[in-house]
């Protein structure tokens, strides 16, 4: 699977390691984080396309999840994805 990252008007693409969270897969992009448990919300990003599974999403409301927000520390890709940082 692949992930496409949109950050600062640039586009990056890389292969995903399936058993790692989105945050772990994107460690080179220095996404801010704190708790790594889905509670603090510091690592929230926006999914542009694709499907993820979140193990925990306490930092997000149902409406935020429906609009594509994810906590990257708890999100695992289920397909190719595009993410906006």
Protein backbone atom coordinates (compact mmCIF):
# COMPACT_ATOMS: atom_id res chain seq x y z
CA UNK A 1 0.00 0.00 0.00
CA UNK A 2 1.01 3.57 -0.59
CA UNK A 3 0.47 6.85 1.20
CA UNK A 4 0.44 10.23 -0.50
CA UNK A 5 1.24 13.15 1.80
CA UNK A 6 0.25 16.74 1.07
CA UNK A 7 2.31 19.16 3.17
CA UNK A 8 3.28 22.80 2.59
CA UNK A 9 2.12 22.76 -1.06
CA UNK A 10 4.32 19.72 -1.77
CA UNK A 11 3.32 16.13 -2.51
CA UNK A 12 5.25 13.10 -1.27
CA UNK A 13 4.54 9.43 -1.85
CA UNK A 14 5.88 6.40 -0.05
CA UNK A 15 5.15 2.77 0.70
CA UNK A 16 3.30 2.00 3.92
CA UNK A 17 4.34 -0.53 6.53
CA UNK A 18 0.95 -2.05 7.33
CA UNK A 19 1.50 -2.97 10.98
CA UNK A 20 2.63 0.58 11.85
CA UNK A 21 0.39 3.53 12.60
CA UNK A 22 0.21 6.45 10.19
CA UNK A 23 2.27 8.46 12.70
CA UNK A 24 5.00 5.80 12.74
CA UNK A 25 4.99 5.60 8.93
CA UNK A 26 5.41 9.37 8.69
CA UNK A 27 8.10 9.87 11.35
CA UNK A 28 10.34 11.63 8.79
CA UNK A 29 7.70 14.38 8.51
CA UNK A 30 7.93 15.23 12.23
CA UNK A 31 4.19 15.32 12.87
CA UNK A 32 3.72 16.74 16.37
CA UNK A 33 2.43 14.22 18.92
CA UNK A 34 2.33 13.69 22.66
CA UNK A 35 0.41 10.77 24.16
CA UNK A 36 0.42 8.22 21.30
CA UNK A 37 -2.89 6.93 22.69
CA UNK A 38 -5.43 9.02 20.73
CA UNK A 39 -6.34 11.16 23.76
CA UNK A 40 -4.53 14.48 23.27
CA UNK A 41 -5.34 15.26 19.63
CA UNK A 42 -1.98 16.82 18.84
CA UNK A 43 -1.36 14.45 15.89
CA UNK A 44 -4.69 15.10 14.12
CA UNK A 45 -4.48 15.18 10.32
CA UNK A 46 -7.03 15.04 7.51
CA UNK A 47 -7.63 12.05 5.23
CA UNK A 48 -8.22 13.14 1.64
CA UNK A 49 -8.95 9.64 0.30
CA UNK A 50 -8.65 6.02 1.34
CA UNK A 51 -9.66 4.04 4.39
CA UNK A 52 -8.10 3.84 7.85
CA UNK A 53 -8.99 2.05 11.06
CA UNK A 54 -8.49 3.94 14.31
CA UNK A 55 -7.86 1.85 17.42
CA UNK A 56 -8.80 4.81 19.65
CA UNK A 57 -10.14 8.25 18.74
CA UNK A 58 -11.13 9.92 22.02
CA UNK A 59 -9.69 13.25 20.85
CA UNK A 60 -12.21 13.45 17.98
CA UNK A 61 -15.95 13.96 17.84
CA UNK A 62 -18.08 11.79 15.56
CA UNK A 63 -18.55 14.81 13.28
CA UNK A 64 -14.77 15.32 12.98
CA UNK A 65 -14.30 11.64 12.12
CA UNK A 66 -17.06 11.85 9.49
CA UNK A 67 -15.30 14.85 7.94
CA UNK A 68 -12.04 12.88 7.59
CA UNK A 69 -10.04 13.85 10.68
CA UNK A 70 -7.82 11.15 12.15
CA UNK A 71 -5.46 10.82 15.08
CA UNK A 72 -2.41 9.53 13.26
CA UNK A 73 -1.02 7.72 16.32
CA UNK A 74 -4.02 5.38 16.33
CA UNK A 75 -4.82 5.22 12.60
CA UNK A 76 -3.79 2.23 10.49
CA UNK A 77 -4.23 2.22 6.69
CA UNK A 78 -6.66 -0.26 5.17
CA UNK A 79 -6.04 0.92 1.58
CA UNK A 80 -3.89 3.38 -0.31
CA UNK A 81 -4.46 6.74 1.37
CA UNK A 82 -3.93 10.43 0.81
CA UNK A 83 -3.36 12.59 3.88
CA UNK A 84 -3.12 16.34 4.42
CA UNK A 85 -0.71 17.44 7.12
